[in-house]
Amino acid sequence: MGGKSFFVDLSLCTACRGCQVACKQWKRLPAEKTRNRGSHQNPADLSSKTIRLVRFTEERDKKGALNWHFFPEQCRHCIEPPCKYVCNLYAPGAVVQDAETGAVVMTDRAILRTAVRRVNLTSSQLCPYNVPRMDEETGLWSKCDMCLDRIQAGMLPACVQSCPTGTMNFGDRDDMLALAKKRLAEVQKKHPQAYLADPESVRVIYLCTAEPENYHESLLASAHQTSSLLASAKGEKALRATHPPKLSRRDIMRGRFGGDTKKA
């Protein structure tokens, strides 16, 4: 398979948020107005301006002891990315996959909702991990791009470069898988229930010590959800190829060739 991968060891994460800040700085993303919600997690969710977020979750074990779980969330860079198939149906070239690294990149063509093409998709309809976010002002969808510009310049992704604890790791996929398996064996001595999250289907491999729901509802993607997204996108593509949309004279005069010809 080859390419690159991240290995994220959640057993080492202290939620310093260095990765979150480094991501914003490198991408020159603006700050967001937030408020205190009773959690150290800030902001509340991913957005077009926060494409990497350290999530905080509190959980009490069977003995009543309080545990804090930290989850630095980002795009998983799926081996077979549903977002690529779905987005490119509506806007060809919206999502590309770098041949050398495997990075899944949303381009400046990832505007699915326009005056002509009135597409109202949610993130969960694009991604089994519910990661991409749309800018409400511009309509442009975005997410982590693996810091492809840094990698091509011989540097580490900004989040990895900034991590002080060894949580974030990056390199050739085979090396990251080997490191993940080695660390898993070590961590399981203290946390027998530890596991790797979806290592065969993504390029961002998390080592987890708690149940998936104690990190976030989208930590894992169900095989059914992923296959359904892929099947739906591929099925729609095949349907469009055999049954192109019928255009009225008014649609043609108005330049509406995108398949959604209903009046605004």
Protein backbone atom coordinates (compact mmCIF):
# COMPACT_ATOMS: atom_id res chain seq x y z
CA MET A 1 0.00 0.00 0.00
CA GLY A 2 2.77 2.46 0.92
CA GLY A 3 2.30 6.16 1.50
CA LYS A 4 2.37 7.95 4.84
CA SER A 5 0.47 7.57 8.10
CA PHE A 6 0.05 9.13 11.52
CA PHE A 7 0.26 7.12 14.71
CA VAL A 8 -1.52 8.86 17.59
CA ASP A 9 -0.83 7.35 21.02
CA LEU A 10 -3.70 8.56 23.21
CA SER A 11 -2.10 6.96 26.28
CA LEU A 12 0.51 9.75 26.13
CA CYS A 13 -1.73 12.72 25.34
CA THR A 14 -1.91 15.44 28.04
CA ALA A 15 -4.29 17.71 26.07
CA CYS A 16 -1.73 20.50 25.93
CA ARG A 17 -3.37 21.51 22.63
CA GLY A 18 -0.03 22.34 21.08
CA CYS A 19 -1.12 20.42 17.97
CA GLN A 20 -4.37 22.36 17.75
CA VAL A 21 -2.59 25.71 17.98
CA ALA A 22 0.19 24.69 15.58
CA CYS A 23 -2.41 23.63 13.02
CA LYS A 24 -4.17 27.00 13.21
CA GLN A 25 -0.89 28.89 12.97
CA TRP A 26 0.44 26.99 9.97
CA LYS A 27 -2.87 27.15 8.11
CA ARG A 28 -3.39 30.78 9.16
CA LEU A 29 -6.87 30.00 10.39
CA PRO A 30 -8.64 32.69 12.42
CA ALA A 31 -9.72 32.37 16.03
CA GLU A 32 -13.35 31.67 16.85
CA LYS A 33 -15.52 33.43 19.38
CA THR A 34 -16.31 30.90 22.09
CA ARG A 35 -17.82 30.75 25.56
CA ASN A 36 -17.33 28.71 28.72
CA ARG A 37 -19.42 25.55 28.45
CA GLY A 38 -18.12 23.87 31.60
CA SER A 39 -15.36 22.05 29.74
CA HIS A 40 -11.72 22.73 28.93
CA GLN A 41 -12.51 21.70 25.34
CA ASN A 42 -12.49 24.80 23.22
CA PRO A 43 -14.10 25.41 20.77
CA ALA A 44 -17.06 23.11 21.08
CA ASP A 45 -16.61 21.32 17.75
CA LEU A 46 -14.67 21.16 14.51
CA SER A 47 -15.37 23.91 12.00
CA SER A 48 -13.99 25.39 8.80
CA LYS A 49 -11.75 27.49 11.05
CA THR A 50 -10.77 24.68 13.44
CA ILE A 51 -9.85 21.61 11.41
CA ARG A 52 -8.08 19.94 14.34
CA LEU A 53 -9.63 19.79 17.80
CA VAL A 54 -8.56 18.21 21.09
CA ARG A 55 -11.72 16.76 22.61
CA PHE A 56 -12.14 16.37 26.39
CA THR A 57 -14.42 13.72 27.87
CA GLU A 58 -15.00 12.85 31.53
CA GLU A 59 -15.95 9.32 32.58
CA ARG A 60 -16.30 7.52 35.90
CA ASP A 61 -15.17 3.93 36.16
CA LYS A 62 -16.93 1.14 38.07
CA LYS A 63 -15.29 2.28 41.29
CA GLY A 64 -16.48 5.84 40.83
CA ALA A 65 -13.04 7.23 39.99
CA LEU A 66 -13.03 10.08 37.49
CA ASN A 67 -11.09 9.56 34.27
CA TRP A 68 -10.31 12.20 31.69
CA HIS A 69 -9.93 11.13 28.08
CA PHE A 70 -8.27 13.30 25.45
CA PHE A 71 -8.86 12.88 21.74
CA PRO A 72 -7.00 15.09 19.22
CA GLU A 73 -9.38 14.70 16.30
CA GLN A 74 -8.56 15.26 12.65
CA CYS A 75 -9.34 13.83 9.22
CA ARG A 76 -8.43 10.12 9.13
CA HIS A 77 -7.24 10.21 5.50
CA CYS A 78 -9.14 7.04 4.63
CA ILE A 79 -7.51 4.51 2.33
CA GLU A 80 -10.72 4.57 0.29
CA PRO A 81 -12.25 7.97 1.15
CA PRO A 82 -16.05 8.28 0.83
CA CYS A 83 -15.75 12.09 0.75
CA LYS A 84 -13.78 11.86 -2.48
CA TYR A 85 -16.50 9.87 -4.23
CA VAL A 86 -19.38 11.95 -2.87
CA CYS A 87 -17.90 15.42 -3.38
CA ASN A 88 -16.56 14.70 -6.85
CA LEU A 89 -20.06 13.69 -7.96
CA TYR A 90 -21.20 17.26 -7.50
CA ALA A 91 -17.96 19.15 -8.11
CA PRO A 92 -15.31 17.22 -10.08
CA GLY A 93 -11.87 17.79 -8.60
CA ALA A 94 -13.30 18.80 -5.22
CA VAL A 95 -11.30 16.08 -3.44
CA VAL A 96 -8.01 14.61 -4.62
CA GLN A 97 -5.83 11.87 -3.17
CA ASP A 98 -2.09 12.44 -3.31
CA ALA A 99 -0.49 9.44 -5.02
CA GLU A 100 2.76 9.60 -3.04
CA THR A 101 1.46 10.07 0.51
CA GLY A 102 -2.18 8.99 0.30
CA ALA A 103 -3.28 12.35 1.72
CA VAL A 104 -6.93 13.16 1.04
CA VAL A 105 -7.17 16.84 0.13
CA MET A 106 -10.21 19.06 -0.32
CA THR A 107 -9.40 21.62 -3.03
CA ASP A 108 -10.77 25.07 -3.79
CA ARG A 109 -13.34 23.30 -5.96
CA ALA A 110 -15.02 21.76 -2.90
CA ILE A 111 -18.01 24.08 -3.12
CA LEU A 112 -20.97 21.76 -3.44
CA ARG A 113 -23.71 24.33 -2.88
CA THR A 114 -24.01 27.04 -5.52
CA ALA A 115 -26.82 29.06 -7.08
CA VAL A 116 -27.04 26.46 -9.84
CA ARG A 117 -26.19 23.38 -7.81
CA ARG A 118 -28.30 23.48 -4.67
CA VAL A 119 -26.76 20.61 -2.72
CA ASN A 120 -27.36 20.51 1.02
CA LEU A 121 -25.19 17.72 2.39
CA THR A 122 -24.12 17.24 5.99
CA SER A 123 -20.66 16.18 7.10
CA SER A 124 -21.94 12.73 8.06
CA GLN A 125 -23.14 12.26 4.49
CA LEU A 126 -19.59 12.79 3.25
CA CYS A 127 -17.56 11.10 5.94
CA PRO A 128 -18.05 8.12 8.30
CA TYR A 129 -16.11 10.07 10.94
CA ASN A 130 -18.13 13.28 10.52
CA VAL A 131 -15.00 15.41 10.05
CA PRO A 132 -15.24 17.85 7.08
CA ARG A 133 -16.88 21.20 7.72
CA MET A 134 -18.37 23.79 5.38
CA ASP A 135 -17.76 27.52 5.60
CA GLU A 136 -21.28 28.94 5.80
CA GLU A 137 -20.24 32.16 4.04
CA THR A 138 -18.34 30.71 1.09
CA GLY A 139 -19.80 27.20 0.88
CA LEU A 140 -16.28 25.74 0.75
CA TRP A 141 -15.71 22.41 2.50
CA SER A 142 -12.40 21.85 4.28
CA LYS A 143 -10.47 19.59 6.64
CA CYS A 144 -6.92 18.51 7.48
CA ASP A 145 -4.77 17.96 4.36
CA MET A 146 -1.93 16.15 6.18
CA CYS A 147 0.16 19.35 5.87
CA LEU A 148 1.01 18.15 2.38
CA ASP A 149 2.96 21.33 1.64
CA ARG A 150 5.22 20.70 4.65
CA ILE A 151 5.73 17.04 3.78
CA GLN A 152 6.71 17.91 0.22
CA ALA A 153 9.25 20.35 1.68
CA GLY A 154 10.76 17.61 3.85
CA MET A 155 9.12 18.71 7.10
CA LEU A 156 6.79 16.98 9.55
CA PRO A 157 3.11 17.97 9.77
CA ALA A 158 2.70 20.95 12.11
CA CYS A 159 0.78 18.93 14.71
CA VAL A 160 3.52 16.29 14.91
CA GLN A 161 6.31 18.86 15.04
CA SER A 162 4.67 20.61 17.99
CA CYS A 163 3.82 17.54 20.10
CA PRO A 164 5.98 17.38 23.28
CA THR A 165 4.88 13.98 24.59
CA GLY A 166 5.28 11.58 21.68
CA THR A 167 1.54 11.31 21.16
CA MET A 168 1.78 12.42 17.53
CA ASN A 169 3.98 10.41 15.16
CA PHE A 170 4.29 10.48 11.39
CA GLY A 171 6.18 8.55 8.72
CA ASP A 172 6.02 5.76 6.20
CA ARG A 173 2.88 3.68 6.70
CA ASP A 174 4.68 0.41 7.36
CA ASP A 175 6.84 2.07 10.01
CA MET A 176 3.84 3.65 11.72
CA LEU A 177 1.94 0.36 11.76
CA ALA A 178 4.97 -1.36 13.28
CA LEU A 179 5.29 1.38 15.92
CA ALA A 180 1.55 1.17 16.66
CA LYS A 181 1.70 -2.59 17.21
CA LYS A 182 4.80 -2.27 19.40
CA ARG A 183 3.24 0.44 21.56
CA LEU A 184 -0.03 -1.48 21.78
CA ALA A 185 1.77 -4.48 23.26
CA GLU A 186 3.47 -2.21 25.80
CA VAL A 187 0.31 -0.34 26.77
CA GLN A 188 -1.73 -3.53 27.11
CA LYS A 189 0.45 -4.56 30.05
CA LYS A 190 -1.25 -1.78 32.04
CA HIS A 191 -4.44 -1.45 30.00
CA PRO A 192 -5.39 -4.92 28.69
CA GLN A 193 -8.39 -3.45 26.89
CA ALA A 194 -6.26 -1.13 24.73
CA TYR A 195 -6.78 -1.30 20.95
CA LEU A 196 -5.99 0.39 17.65
CA ALA A 197 -8.82 2.29 15.95
CA ASP A 198 -9.54 1.21 12.36
CA PRO A 199 -5.84 0.65 11.49
CA GLU A 200 -6.52 -1.15 8.21
CA SER A 201 -8.77 1.49 6.66
CA VAL A 202 -7.26 4.86 7.66
CA ARG A 203 -3.93 6.68 7.71
CA VAL A 204 -4.47 8.20 11.16
CA ILE A 205 -4.14 5.32 13.60
CA TYR A 206 -5.20 5.95 17.19
CA LEU A 207 -4.07 3.83 20.13
CA CYS A 208 -6.92 3.91 22.66
CA THR A 209 -7.17 2.73 26.27
CA ALA A 210 -10.88 3.40 26.87
CA GLU A 211 -14.14 2.45 25.17
CA PRO A 212 -14.76 4.35 21.92
CA GLU A 213 -17.72 6.31 23.32
CA ASN A 214 -15.51 7.64 26.12
CA TYR A 215 -13.49 9.53 23.52
CA HIS A 216 -16.14 10.56 21.02
CA GLU A 217 -19.02 9.03 19.11
CA SER A 218 -17.06 9.25 15.86
CA LEU A 219 -13.82 7.66 17.04
CA LEU A 220 -14.65 4.52 15.03
CA ALA A 221 -16.52 4.16 11.77
CA SER A 222 -18.82 1.21 11.34
CA ALA A 223 -18.10 -0.94 8.31
CA HIS A 224 -21.77 -0.60 7.36
CA GLN A 225 -21.64 3.19 7.43
CA THR A 226 -18.50 3.38 5.30
CA SER A 227 -19.72 0.84 2.76
CA SER A 228 -23.10 2.58 2.57
CA LEU A 229 -21.49 5.94 1.78
CA LEU A 230 -19.26 4.40 -0.87
CA ALA A 231 -22.09 2.37 -2.42
CA SER A 232 -24.41 5.37 -2.48
CA ALA A 233 -21.82 7.59 -4.18
CA LYS A 234 -20.79 4.98 -6.72
CA GLY A 235 -24.42 4.09 -7.42
CA GLU A 236 -25.33 7.73 -8.02
CA LYS A 237 -22.36 8.11 -10.37
CA ALA A 238 -23.46 5.09 -12.38
CA LEU A 239 -27.04 6.36 -12.50
CA ARG A 240 -25.94 9.75 -13.80
CA ALA A 241 -23.83 8.09 -16.47
CA THR A 242 -26.78 6.08 -17.82
CA HIS A 243 -29.57 8.60 -17.09
CA PRO A 244 -28.31 12.16 -17.50
CA PRO A 245 -30.67 14.82 -16.13
CA LYS A 246 -33.17 16.33 -18.57
CA LEU A 247 -32.69 20.05 -19.08
CA SER A 248 -35.42 22.45 -20.09
CA ARG A 249 -34.81 25.33 -22.48
CA ARG A 250 -35.02 27.68 -19.49
CA ASP A 251 -32.32 25.69 -17.65
CA ILE A 252 -30.03 25.86 -20.67
CA MET A 253 -30.61 29.62 -21.10
CA ARG A 254 -29.76 30.11 -17.42
CA GLY A 255 -26.65 27.95 -17.64
CA ARG A 256 -27.99 25.23 -15.34
CA PHE A 257 -26.22 22.06 -16.34
CA GLY A 258 -25.52 20.53 -12.90
CA GLY A 259 -28.40 18.09 -12.57
CA ASP A 260 -30.49 20.03 -10.02
CA THR A 261 -32.80 22.09 -12.22
CA LYS A 262 -35.49 22.98 -9.75
CA LYS A 263 -36.40 26.61 -9.42
CA ALA A 264 -34.74 28.37 -6.46
